[in-house]
Amino acid sequence: MTEPTEEHLKKAEAEYRNLYGRAPTPEALRKWATNLANGVVDTLETPEESGLRLRKAARDQGLPEDALSPDWTGECMLCGSSPIMPATGMCGPCTFGEADTINGNW
């Protein structure tokens, strides 16, 4: 496995900031830069990163803050569960791919 160079670290930090709207943790920066150095495309995100990305995208698109709050009146378009995240029309587990986000825990 190739170790990341300074160039990889700078590119990784810029990509992370662009996607999540904040600086990466040292662990996230190391992982991102190592993947860049080795040509690996890793799409796995932590639930926190998924939430950050969605909130940044909602702000960038001018969506209201409650577009990310649990909506107990809606049903997930994929599995029929409630609550849903209005911005996606899906429940937490279908939006984030994490069972821990059930019952609006995002």
PDB file of N, CA and C in Angstrom:
ATOM      1  N   MET A   1       0.844  -1.176   0.000  1.00  0.00           N
ATOM      2  CA  MET A   1       0.000   0.000   0.000  1.00  0.00           C
ATOM      3  C   MET A   1       0.887   1.236   0.000  1.00  0.00           C
ATOM      4  N   THR A   2       0.588   2.164  -0.897  1.00  0.00           N
ATOM      5  CA  THR A   2       1.358   3.403  -1.027  1.00  0.00           C
ATOM      6  C   THR A   2       0.938   4.402   0.052  1.00  0.00           C
ATOM      7  N   GLU A   3       1.931   5.000   0.687  1.00  0.00           N
ATOM      8  CA  GLU A   3       1.658   6.038   1.685  1.00  0.00           C
ATOM      9  C   GLU A   3       1.317   7.346   0.965  1.00  0.00           C
ATOM     10  N   PRO A   4       0.388   8.132   1.510  1.00  0.00           N
ATOM     11  CA  PRO A   4       0.020   9.394   0.859  1.00  0.00           C
ATOM     12  C   PRO A   4       1.133  10.430   0.952  1.00  0.00           C
ATOM     13  N   THR A   5       1.258  11.222  -0.096  1.00  0.00           N
ATOM     14  CA  THR A   5       2.218  12.322  -0.122  1.00  0.00           C
ATOM     15  C   THR A   5       1.536  13.590   0.404  1.00  0.00           C
ATOM     16  N   GLU A   6       2.294  14.638   0.515  1.00  0.00           N
ATOM     17  CA  GLU A   6       1.738  15.936   0.939  1.00  0.00           C
ATOM     18  C   GLU A   6       0.665  16.400  -0.041  1.00  0.00           C
ATOM     19  N   GLU A   7       0.895  16.127  -1.330  1.00  0.00           N
ATOM     20  CA  GLU A   7      -0.089  16.483  -2.358  1.00  0.00           C
ATOM     21  C   GLU A   7      -1.414  15.735  -2.146  1.00  0.00           C
ATOM     22  N   HIS A   8      -1.317  14.441  -1.804  1.00  0.00           N
ATOM     23  CA  HIS A   8      -2.526  13.664  -1.514  1.00  0.00           C
ATOM     24  C   HIS A   8      -3.268  14.235  -0.309  1.00  0.00           C
ATOM     25  N   LEU A   9      -2.507  14.609   0.728  1.00  0.00           N
ATOM     26  CA  LEU A   9      -3.124  15.172   1.937  1.00  0.00           C
ATOM     27  C   LEU A   9      -3.861  16.473   1.631  1.00  0.00           C
ATOM     28  N   LYS A  10      -3.230  17.347   0.830  1.00  0.00           N
ATOM     29  CA  LYS A  10      -3.873  18.616   0.483  1.00  0.00           C
ATOM     30  C   LYS A  10      -5.134  18.387  -0.353  1.00  0.00           C
ATOM     31  N   LYS A  11      -5.053  17.490  -1.330  1.00  0.00           N
ATOM     32  CA  LYS A  11      -6.210  17.200  -2.179  1.00  0.00           C
ATOM     33  C   LYS A  11      -7.324  16.561  -1.360  1.00  0.00           C
ATOM     34  N   ALA A  12      -6.953  15.653  -0.466  1.00  0.00           N
ATOM     35  CA  ALA A  12      -7.947  14.984   0.365  1.00  0.00           C
ATOM     36  C   ALA A  12      -8.671  15.987   1.261  1.00  0.00           C
ATOM     37  N   GLU A  13      -7.921  16.898   1.860  1.00  0.00           N
ATOM     38  CA  GLU A  13      -8.550  17.898   2.729  1.00  0.00           C
ATOM     39  C   GLU A  13      -9.498  18.796   1.935  1.00  0.00           C
ATOM     40  N   ALA A  14      -9.075  19.211   0.742  1.00  0.00           N
ATOM     41  CA  ALA A  14      -9.923  20.077  -0.088  1.00  0.00           C
ATOM     42  C   ALA A  14     -11.210  19.349  -0.505  1.00  0.00           C
ATOM     43  N   GLU A  15     -11.093  18.096  -0.904  1.00  0.00           N
ATOM     44  CA  GLU A  15     -12.280  17.327  -1.306  1.00  0.00           C
ATOM     45  C   GLU A  15     -13.230  17.129  -0.125  1.00  0.00           C
ATOM     46  N   TYR A  16     -12.659  16.806   1.039  1.00  0.00           N
ATOM     47  CA  TYR A  16     -13.482  16.588   2.230  1.00  0.00           C
ATOM     48  C   TYR A  16     -14.223  17.868   2.618  1.00  0.00           C
ATOM     49  N   ARG A  17     -13.499  18.990   2.632  1.00  0.00           N
ATOM     50  CA  ARG A  17     -14.127  20.276   2.972  1.00  0.00           C
ATOM     51  C   ARG A  17     -15.241  20.622   1.990  1.00  0.00           C
ATOM     52  N   ASN A  18     -15.018  20.357   0.725  1.00  0.00           N
ATOM     53  CA  ASN A  18     -16.022  20.645  -0.289  1.00  0.00           C
ATOM     54  C   ASN A  18     -17.268  19.791  -0.097  1.00  0.00           C
ATOM     55  N   LEU A  19     -17.082  18.524   0.247  1.00  0.00           N
ATOM     56  CA  LEU A  19     -18.207  17.611   0.390  1.00  0.00           C
ATOM     57  C   LEU A  19     -18.960  17.802   1.700  1.00  0.00           C
ATOM     58  N   TYR A  20     -18.220  17.981   2.802  1.00  0.00           N
ATOM     59  CA  TYR A  20     -18.853  18.010   4.123  1.00  0.00           C
ATOM     60  C   TYR A  20     -18.946  19.393   4.755  1.00  0.00           C
ATOM     61  N   GLY A  21     -18.295  20.396   4.177  1.00  0.00           N
ATOM     62  CA  GLY A  21     -18.402  21.746   4.701  1.00  0.00           C
ATOM     63  C   GLY A  21     -17.624  21.997   5.971  1.00  0.00           C
ATOM     64  N   ARG A  22     -16.663  21.162   6.260  1.00  0.00           N
ATOM     65  CA  ARG A  22     -15.813  21.361   7.438  1.00  0.00           C
ATOM     66  C   ARG A  22     -14.509  20.603   7.242  1.00  0.00           C
ATOM     67  N   ALA A  23     -13.547  20.872   8.116  1.00  0.00           N
ATOM     68  CA  ALA A  23     -12.256  20.186   8.040  1.00  0.00           C
ATOM     69  C   ALA A  23     -12.415  18.734   8.489  1.00  0.00           C
ATOM     70  N   PRO A  24     -11.663  17.830   7.876  1.00  0.00           N
ATOM     71  CA  PRO A  24     -11.732  16.424   8.298  1.00  0.00           C
ATOM     72  C   PRO A  24     -11.016  16.209   9.619  1.00  0.00           C
ATOM     73  N   THR A  25     -11.428  15.179  10.334  1.00  0.00           N
ATOM     74  CA  THR A  25     -10.676  14.762  11.514  1.00  0.00           C
ATOM     75  C   THR A  25      -9.347  14.189  11.022  1.00  0.00           C
ATOM     76  N   PRO A  26      -8.333  14.113  11.877  1.00  0.00           N
ATOM     77  CA  PRO A  26      -7.064  13.521  11.435  1.00  0.00           C
ATOM     78  C   PRO A  26      -7.248  12.098  10.872  1.00  0.00           C
ATOM     79  N   GLU A  27      -8.119  11.316  11.494  1.00  0.00           N
ATOM     80  CA  GLU A  27      -8.366   9.949  11.025  1.00  0.00           C
ATOM     81  C   GLU A  27      -9.018   9.948   9.641  1.00  0.00           C
ATOM     82  N   ALA A  28     -10.021  10.814   9.448  1.00  0.00           N
ATOM     83  CA  ALA A  28     -10.691  10.891   8.150  1.00  0.00           C
ATOM     84  C   ALA A  28      -9.733  11.382   7.076  1.00  0.00           C
ATOM     85  N   LEU A  29      -8.872  12.358   7.409  1.00  0.00           N
ATOM     86  CA  LEU A  29      -7.905  12.881   6.445  1.00  0.00           C
ATOM     87  C   LEU A  29      -6.920  11.787   6.030  1.00  0.00           C
ATOM     88  N   ARG A  30      -6.430  11.024   6.997  1.00  0.00           N
ATOM     89  CA  ARG A  30      -5.487   9.947   6.698  1.00  0.00           C
ATOM     90  C   ARG A  30      -6.136   8.904   5.789  1.00  0.00           C
ATOM     91  N   LYS A  31      -7.366   8.512   6.118  1.00  0.00           N
ATOM     92  CA  LYS A  31      -8.075   7.519   5.318  1.00  0.00           C
ATOM     93  C   LYS A  31      -8.300   8.033   3.892  1.00  0.00           C
ATOM     94  N   TRP A  32      -8.786   9.252   3.774  1.00  0.00           N
ATOM     95  CA  TRP A  32      -9.091   9.846   2.466  1.00  0.00           C
ATOM     96  C   TRP A  32      -7.819   9.948   1.628  1.00  0.00           C
ATOM     97  N   ALA A  33      -6.721  10.444   2.216  1.00  0.00           N
ATOM     98  CA  ALA A  33      -5.459  10.618   1.490  1.00  0.00           C
ATOM     99  C   ALA A  33      -4.861   9.270   1.099  1.00  0.00           C
ATOM    100  N   THR A  34      -4.946   8.281   1.964  1.00  0.00           N
ATOM    101  CA  THR A  34      -4.434   6.948   1.644  1.00  0.00           C
ATOM    102  C   THR A  34      -5.212   6.350   0.479  1.00  0.00           C
ATOM    103  N   ASN A  35      -6.524   6.537   0.488  1.00  0.00           N
ATOM    104  CA  ASN A  35      -7.333   6.044  -0.630  1.00  0.00           C
ATOM    105  C   ASN A  35      -6.946   6.736  -1.931  1.00  0.00           C
ATOM    106  N   LEU A  36      -6.725   8.049  -1.891  1.00  0.00           N
ATOM    107  CA  LEU A  36      -6.286   8.778  -3.089  1.00  0.00           C
ATOM    108  C   LEU A  36      -4.944   8.248  -3.592  1.00  0.00           C
ATOM    109  N   ALA A  37      -4.022   8.014  -2.675  1.00  0.00           N
ATOM    110  CA  ALA A  37      -2.689   7.547  -3.050  1.00  0.00           C
ATOM    111  C   ALA A  37      -2.728   6.172  -3.705  1.00  0.00           C
ATOM    112  N   ASN A  38      -3.734   5.377  -3.343  1.00  0.00           N
ATOM    113  CA  ASN A  38      -3.819   4.013  -3.841  1.00  0.00           C
ATOM    114  C   ASN A  38      -4.903   3.807  -4.886  1.00  0.00           C
ATOM    115  N   GLY A  39      -5.524   4.894  -5.318  1.00  0.00           N
ATOM    116  CA  GLY A  39      -6.550   4.794  -6.356  1.00  0.00           C
ATOM    117  C   GLY A  39      -7.807   4.078  -5.909  1.00  0.00           C
ATOM    118  N   VAL A  40      -8.082   4.119  -4.613  1.00  0.00           N
ATOM    119  CA  VAL A  40      -9.257   3.451  -4.053  1.00  0.00           C
ATOM    120  C   VAL A  40     -10.406   4.441  -3.966  1.00  0.00           C
ATOM    121  N   VAL A  41     -11.573   4.026  -4.423  1.00  0.00           N
ATOM    122  CA  VAL A  41     -12.768   4.841  -4.281  1.00  0.00           C
ATOM    123  C   VAL A  41     -13.571   4.226  -3.142  1.00  0.00           C
ATOM    124  N   ASP A  42     -13.614   4.903  -2.008  1.00  0.00           N
ATOM    125  CA  ASP A  42     -14.307   4.413  -0.826  1.00  0.00           C
ATOM    126  C   ASP A  42     -15.504   5.304  -0.564  1.00  0.00           C
ATOM    127  N   THR A  43     -16.703   4.772  -0.739  1.00  0.00           N
ATOM    128  CA  THR A  43     -17.902   5.581  -0.557  1.00  0.00           C
ATOM    129  C   THR A  43     -18.534   5.392   0.814  1.00  0.00           C
ATOM    130  N   LEU A  44     -17.923   4.578   1.678  1.00  0.00           N
ATOM    131  CA  LEU A  44     -18.495   4.382   3.002  1.00  0.00           C
ATOM    132  C   LEU A  44     -18.293   5.624   3.849  1.00  0.00           C
ATOM    133  N   GLU A  45     -19.374   6.094   4.431  1.00  0.00           N
ATOM    134  CA  GLU A  45     -19.336   7.266   5.290  1.00  0.00           C
ATOM    135  C   GLU A  45     -19.812   6.863   6.671  1.00  0.00           C
ATOM    136  N   THR A  46     -19.345   7.601   7.652  1.00  0.00           N
ATOM    137  CA  THR A  46     -19.915   7.424   8.978  1.00  0.00           C
ATOM    138  C   THR A  46     -21.296   8.084   8.964  1.00  0.00           C
ATOM    139  N   PRO A  47     -22.193   7.705   9.874  1.00  0.00           N
ATOM    140  CA  PRO A  47     -23.483   8.396   9.940  1.00  0.00           C
ATOM    141  C   PRO A  47     -23.329   9.902  10.123  1.00  0.00           C
ATOM    142  N   GLU A  48     -22.330  10.318  10.897  1.00  0.00           N
ATOM    143  CA  GLU A  48     -22.103  11.756  11.094  1.00  0.00           C
ATOM    144  C   GLU A  48     -21.739  12.428   9.772  1.00  0.00           C
ATOM    145  N   GLU A  49     -20.873  11.787   8.977  1.00  0.00           N
ATOM    146  CA  GLU A  49     -20.492  12.354   7.689  1.00  0.00           C
ATOM    147  C   GLU A  49     -21.682  12.423   6.738  1.00  0.00           C
ATOM    148  N   SER A  50     -22.518  11.392   6.762  1.00  0.00           N
ATOM    149  CA  SER A  50     -23.720  11.409   5.912  1.00  0.00           C
ATOM    150  C   SER A  50     -24.618  12.575   6.286  1.00  0.00           C
ATOM    151  N   GLY A  51     -24.807  12.770   7.587  1.00  0.00           N
ATOM    152  CA  GLY A  51     -25.636  13.877   8.051  1.00  0.00           C
ATOM    153  C   GLY A  51     -25.058  15.220   7.663  1.00  0.00           C
ATOM    154  N   LEU A  52     -23.742  15.373   7.811  1.00  0.00           N
ATOM    155  CA  LEU A  52     -23.088  16.632   7.429  1.00  0.00           C
ATOM    156  C   LEU A  52     -23.270  16.907   5.945  1.00  0.00           C
ATOM    157  N   ARG A  53     -23.078  15.863   5.121  1.00  0.00           N
ATOM    158  CA  ARG A  53     -23.203  16.036   3.677  1.00  0.00           C
ATOM    159  C   ARG A  53     -24.625  16.441   3.310  1.00  0.00           C
ATOM    160  N   LEU A  54     -25.615  15.769   3.906  1.00  0.00           N
ATOM    161  CA  LEU A  54     -27.005  16.097   3.599  1.00  0.00           C
ATOM    162  C   LEU A  54     -27.376  17.501   4.064  1.00  0.00           C
ATOM    163  N   ARG A  55     -26.927  17.884   5.265  1.00  0.00           N
ATOM    164  CA  ARG A  55     -27.240  19.230   5.759  1.00  0.00           C
ATOM    165  C   ARG A  55     -26.591  20.303   4.887  1.00  0.00           C
ATOM    166  N   LYS A  56     -25.346  20.068   4.469  1.00  0.00           N
ATOM    167  CA  LYS A  56     -24.671  21.033   3.597  1.00  0.00           C
ATOM    168  C   LYS A  56     -25.410  21.136   2.265  1.00  0.00           C
ATOM    169  N   ALA A  57     -25.806  20.010   1.696  1.00  0.00           N
ATOM    170  CA  ALA A  57     -26.531  20.026   0.423  1.00  0.00           C
ATOM    171  C   ALA A  57     -27.862  20.744   0.573  1.00  0.00           C
ATOM    172  N   ALA A  58     -28.560  20.530   1.694  1.00  0.00           N
ATOM    173  CA  ALA A  58     -29.845  21.199   1.918  1.00  0.00           C
ATOM    174  C   ALA A  58     -29.650  22.712   2.016  1.00  0.00           C
ATOM    175  N   ARG A  59     -28.624  23.141   2.756  1.00  0.00           N
ATOM    176  CA  ARG A  59     -28.338  24.583   2.862  1.00  0.00           C
ATOM    177  C   ARG A  59     -27.985  25.161   1.496  1.00  0.00           C
ATOM    178  N   ASP A  60     -27.138  24.444   0.767  1.00  0.00           N
ATOM    179  CA  ASP A  60     -26.715  24.922  -0.556  1.00  0.00           C
ATOM    180  C   ASP A  60     -27.897  25.064  -1.515  1.00  0.00           C
ATOM    181  N   GLN A  61     -28.920  24.224  -1.337  1.00  0.00           N
ATOM    182  CA  GLN A  61     -30.094  24.263  -2.211  1.00  0.00           C
ATOM    183  C   GLN A  61     -31.197  25.151  -1.658  1.00  0.00           C
ATOM    184  N   GLY A  62     -30.941  25.781  -0.514  1.00  0.00           N
ATOM    185  CA  GLY A  62     -31.919  26.695   0.056  1.00  0.00           C
ATOM    186  C   GLY A  62     -33.108  26.001   0.707  1.00  0.00           C
ATOM    187  N   LEU A  63     -32.970  24.730   1.059  1.00  0.00           N
ATOM    188  CA  LEU A  63     -34.065  24.026   1.724  1.00  0.00           C
ATOM    189  C   LEU A  63     -34.199  24.512   3.162  1.00  0.00           C
ATOM    190  N   PRO A  64     -35.406  24.515   3.697  1.00  0.00           N
ATOM    191  CA  PRO A  64     -35.581  24.913   5.093  1.00  0.00           C
ATOM    192  C   PRO A  64     -34.952  23.884   6.027  1.00  0.00           C
ATOM    193  N   GLU A  65     -34.551  24.327   7.214  1.00  0.00           N
ATOM    194  CA  GLU A  65     -33.902  23.445   8.183  1.00  0.00           C
ATOM    195  C   GLU A  65     -34.773  22.238   8.531  1.00  0.00           C
ATOM    196  N   ASP A  66     -36.111  22.409   8.556  1.00  0.00           N
ATOM    197  CA  ASP A  66     -36.969  21.279   8.928  1.00  0.00           C
ATOM    198  C   ASP A  66     -37.053  20.210   7.836  1.00  0.00           C
ATOM    199  N   ALA A  67     -36.437  20.456   6.675  1.00  0.00           N
ATOM    200  CA  ALA A  67     -36.393  19.435   5.622  1.00  0.00           C
ATOM    201  C   ALA A  67     -35.560  18.238   6.063  1.00  0.00           C
ATOM    202  N   LEU A  68     -34.759  18.432   7.129  1.00  0.00           N
ATOM    203  CA  LEU A  68     -33.921  17.356   7.639  1.00  0.00           C
ATOM    204  C   LEU A  68     -34.422  16.809   8.966  1.00  0.00           C
ATOM    205  N   SER A  69     -35.509  17.367   9.479  1.00  0.00           N
ATOM    206  CA  SER A  69     -36.078  16.914  10.748  1.00  0.00           C
ATOM    207  C   SER A  69     -37.044  15.761  10.516  1.00  0.00           C
ATOM    208  N   PRO A  70     -37.153  14.852  11.486  1.00  0.00           N
ATOM    209  CA  PRO A  70     -38.073  13.722  11.322  1.00  0.00           C
ATOM    210  C   PRO A  70     -39.516  14.163  11.077  1.00  0.00           C
ATOM    211  N   ASP A  71     -40.151  13.574  10.094  1.00  0.00           N
ATOM    212  CA  ASP A  71     -41.564  13.804   9.786  1.00  0.00           C
ATOM    213  C   ASP A  71     -42.313  12.516  10.085  1.00  0.00           C
ATOM    214  N   TRP A  72     -43.058  12.528  11.181  1.00  0.00           N
ATOM    215  CA  TRP A  72     -43.750  11.327  11.633  1.00  0.00           C
ATOM    216  C   TRP A  72     -45.032  11.058  10.847  1.00  0.00           C
ATOM    217  N   THR A  73     -45.459  11.993  10.014  1.00  0.00           N
ATOM    218  CA  THR A  73     -46.687  11.779   9.237  1.00  0.00           C
ATOM    219  C   THR A  73     -46.415  11.096   7.902  1.00  0.00           C
ATOM    220  N   GLY A  74     -45.160  11.113   7.447  1.00  0.00           N
ATOM    221  CA  GLY A  74     -44.828  10.516   6.153  1.00  0.00           C
ATOM    222  C   GLY A  74     -44.386   9.077   6.274  1.00  0.00           C
ATOM    223  N   GLU A  75     -44.413   8.368   5.138  1.00  0.00           N
ATOM    224  CA  GLU A  75     -43.924   6.994   5.069  1.00  0.00           C
ATOM    225  C   GLU A  75     -42.774   6.924   4.082  1.00  0.00           C
ATOM    226  N   CYS A  76     -41.777   6.133   4.401  1.00  0.00           N
ATOM    227  CA  CYS A  76     -40.600   5.956   3.551  1.00  0.00           C
ATOM    228  C   CYS A  76     -41.022   5.404   2.195  1.00  0.00           C
ATOM    229  N   MET A  77     -40.529   6.030   1.134  1.00  0.00           N
ATOM    230  CA  MET A  77     -40.900   5.593  -0.207  1.00  0.00           C
ATOM    231  C   MET A  77     -40.296   4.229  -0.564  1.00  0.00           C
ATOM    232  N   LEU A  78     -39.328   3.766   0.223  1.00  0.00           N
ATOM    233  CA  LEU A  78     -38.732   2.463  -0.052  1.00  0.00           C
ATOM    234  C   LEU A  78     -39.318   1.346   0.800  1.00  0.00           C
ATOM    235  N   CYS A  79     -39.472   1.601   2.096  1.00  0.00           N
ATOM    236  CA  CYS A  79     -39.890   0.507   2.981  1.00  0.00           C
ATOM    237  C   CYS A  79     -41.192   0.764   3.728  1.00  0.00           C
ATOM    238  N   GLY A  80     -41.722   1.985   3.647  1.00  0.00           N
ATOM    239  CA  GLY A  80     -42.990   2.290   4.299  1.00  0.00           C
ATOM    240  C   GLY A  80     -42.890   2.666   5.770  1.00  0.00           C
ATOM    241  N   SER A  81     -41.672   2.765   6.316  1.00  0.00           N
ATOM    242  CA  SER A  81     -41.491   3.098   7.734  1.00  0.00           C
ATOM    243  C   SER A  81     -41.640   4.591   7.977  1.00  0.00           C
ATOM    244  N   SER A  82     -41.830   4.941   9.240  1.00  0.00           N
ATOM    245  CA  SER A  82     -41.857   6.324   9.697  1.00  0.00           C
ATOM    246  C   SER A  82     -40.913   6.432  10.876  1.00  0.00           C
ATOM    247  N   PRO A  83     -40.340   7.594  11.139  1.00  0.00           N
ATOM    248  CA  PRO A  83     -40.489   8.853  10.422  1.00  0.00           C
ATOM    249  C   PRO A  83     -39.601   8.874   9.178  1.00  0.00           C
ATOM    250  N   ILE A  84     -39.812   9.894   8.372  1.00  0.00           N
ATOM    251  CA  ILE A  84     -38.975  10.092   7.191  1.00  0.00           C
ATOM    252  C   ILE A  84     -38.225  11.409   7.304  1.00  0.00           C
ATOM    253  N   MET A  85     -37.190  11.546   6.510  1.00  0.00           N
ATOM    254  CA  MET A  85     -36.501  12.817   6.351  1.00  0.00           C
ATOM    255  C   MET A  85     -37.132  13.463   5.121  1.00  0.00           C
ATOM    256  N   PRO A  86     -37.862  14.576   5.293  1.00  0.00           N
ATOM    257  CA  PRO A  86     -38.557  15.186   4.153  1.00  0.00           C
ATOM    258  C   PRO A  86     -37.662  15.466   2.951  1.00  0.00           C
ATOM    259  N   ALA A  87     -36.403  15.798   3.177  1.00  0.00           N
ATOM    260  CA  ALA A  87     -35.501  16.108   2.062  1.00  0.00           C
ATOM    261  C   ALA A  87     -35.253  14.908   1.156  1.00  0.00           C
ATOM    262  N   THR A  88     -35.371  13.686   1.711  1.00  0.00           N
ATOM    263  CA  THR A  88     -35.104  12.487   0.915  1.00  0.00           C
ATOM    264  C   THR A  88     -36.361  11.659   0.648  1.00  0.00           C
ATOM    265  N   GLY A  89     -37.391  11.836   1.483  1.00  0.00           N
ATOM    266  CA  GLY A  89     -38.589  11.016   1.349  1.00  0.00           C
ATOM    267  C   GLY A  89     -38.393   9.602   1.866  1.00  0.00           C
ATOM    268  N   MET A  90     -37.288   9.387   2.593  1.00  0.00           N
ATOM    269  CA  MET A  90     -36.978   8.057   3.110  1.00  0.00           C
ATOM    270  C   MET A  90     -36.742   8.105   4.613  1.00  0.00           C
ATOM    271  N   CYS A  91     -36.884   6.935   5.250  1.00  0.00           N
ATOM    272  CA  CYS A  91     -36.596   6.823   6.679  1.00  0.00           C
ATOM    273  C   CYS A  91     -35.085   6.913   6.898  1.00  0.00           C
ATOM    274  N   GLY A  92     -34.676   6.980   8.160  1.00  0.00           N
ATOM    275  CA  GLY A  92     -33.251   7.077   8.483  1.00  0.00           C
ATOM    276  C   GLY A  92     -32.422   5.920   7.945  1.00  0.00           C
ATOM    277  N   PRO A  93     -32.819   4.662   8.214  1.00  0.00           N
ATOM    278  CA  PRO A  93     -32.013   3.555   7.705  1.00  0.00           C
ATOM    279  C   PRO A  93     -31.918   3.519   6.173  1.00  0.00           C
ATOM    280  N   CYS A  94     -32.980   3.882   5.460  1.00  0.00           N
ATOM    281  CA  CYS A  94     -32.913   3.897   3.991  1.00  0.00           C
ATOM    282  C   CYS A  94     -32.096   5.080   3.488  1.00  0.00           C
ATOM    283  N   THR A  95     -32.121   6.202   4.212  1.00  0.00           N
ATOM    284  CA  THR A  95     -31.336   7.374   3.813  1.00  0.00           C
ATOM    285  C   THR A  95     -29.856   7.161   4.073  1.00  0.00           C
ATOM    286  N   PHE A  96     -29.504   6.693   5.281  1.00  0.00           N
ATOM    287  CA  PHE A  96     -28.112   6.610   5.691  1.00  0.00           C
ATOM    288  C   PHE A  96     -27.502   5.223   5.581  1.00  0.00           C
ATOM    289  N   GLY A  97     -28.332   4.187   5.440  1.00  0.00           N
ATOM    290  CA  GLY A  97     -27.807   2.831   5.394  1.00  0.00           C
ATOM    291  C   GLY A  97     -27.338   2.350   6.752  1.00  0.00           C
ATOM    292  N   GLU A  98     -27.843   2.952   7.827  1.00  0.00           N
ATOM    293  CA  GLU A  98     -27.438   2.607   9.189  1.00  0.00           C
ATOM    294  C   GLU A  98     -28.671   2.345  10.043  1.00  0.00           C
ATOM    295  N   ALA A  99     -28.753   1.174  10.645  1.00  0.00           N
ATOM    296  CA  ALA A  99     -29.898   0.820  11.483  1.00  0.00           C
ATOM    297  C   ALA A  99     -30.022   1.752  12.695  1.00  0.00           C
ATOM    298  N   ASP A 100     -28.915   2.310  13.151  1.00  0.00           N
ATOM    299  CA  ASP A 100     -28.928   3.200  14.323  1.00  0.00           C
ATOM    300  C   ASP A 100     -29.728   4.473  14.085  1.00  0.00           C
ATOM    301  N   THR A 101     -30.073   4.787  12.837  1.00  0.00           N
ATOM    302  CA  THR A 101     -30.807   6.013  12.546  1.00  0.00           C
ATOM    303  C   THR A 101     -32.324   5.802  12.561  1.00  0.00           C
ATOM    304  N   ILE A 102     -32.777   4.638  13.023  1.00  0.00           N
ATOM    305  CA  ILE A 102     -34.213   4.366  13.117  1.00  0.00           C
ATOM    306  C   ILE A 102     -34.857   5.341  14.112  1.00  0.00           C
ATOM    307  N   ASN A 103     -36.108   5.631  13.927  1.00  0.00           N
ATOM    308  CA  ASN A 103     -36.890   6.508  14.817  1.00  0.00           C
ATOM    309  C   ASN A 103     -36.385   7.948  14.840  1.00  0.00           C
ATOM    310  N   GLY A 104     -35.874   8.421  13.725  1.00  0.00           N
ATOM    311  CA  GLY A 104     -35.461   9.830  13.629  1.00  0.00           C
ATOM    312  C   GLY A 104     -34.150  10.150  14.296  1.00  0.00           C
ATOM    313  N   ASN A 105     -33.335   9.162  14.555  1.00  0.00           N
ATOM    314  CA  ASN A 105     -32.047   9.363  15.228  1.00  0.00           C
ATOM    315  C   ASN A 105     -30.953   9.723  14.225  1.00  0.00           C
ATOM    316  N   TRP A 106     -31.105  10.911  13.600  1.00  0.00           N
ATOM    317  CA  TRP A 106     -30.075  11.396  12.676  1.00  0.00           C
ATOM    318  C   TRP A 106     -29.763  12.838  12.945  1.00  0.00           C
TER     319      TRP A 106
END
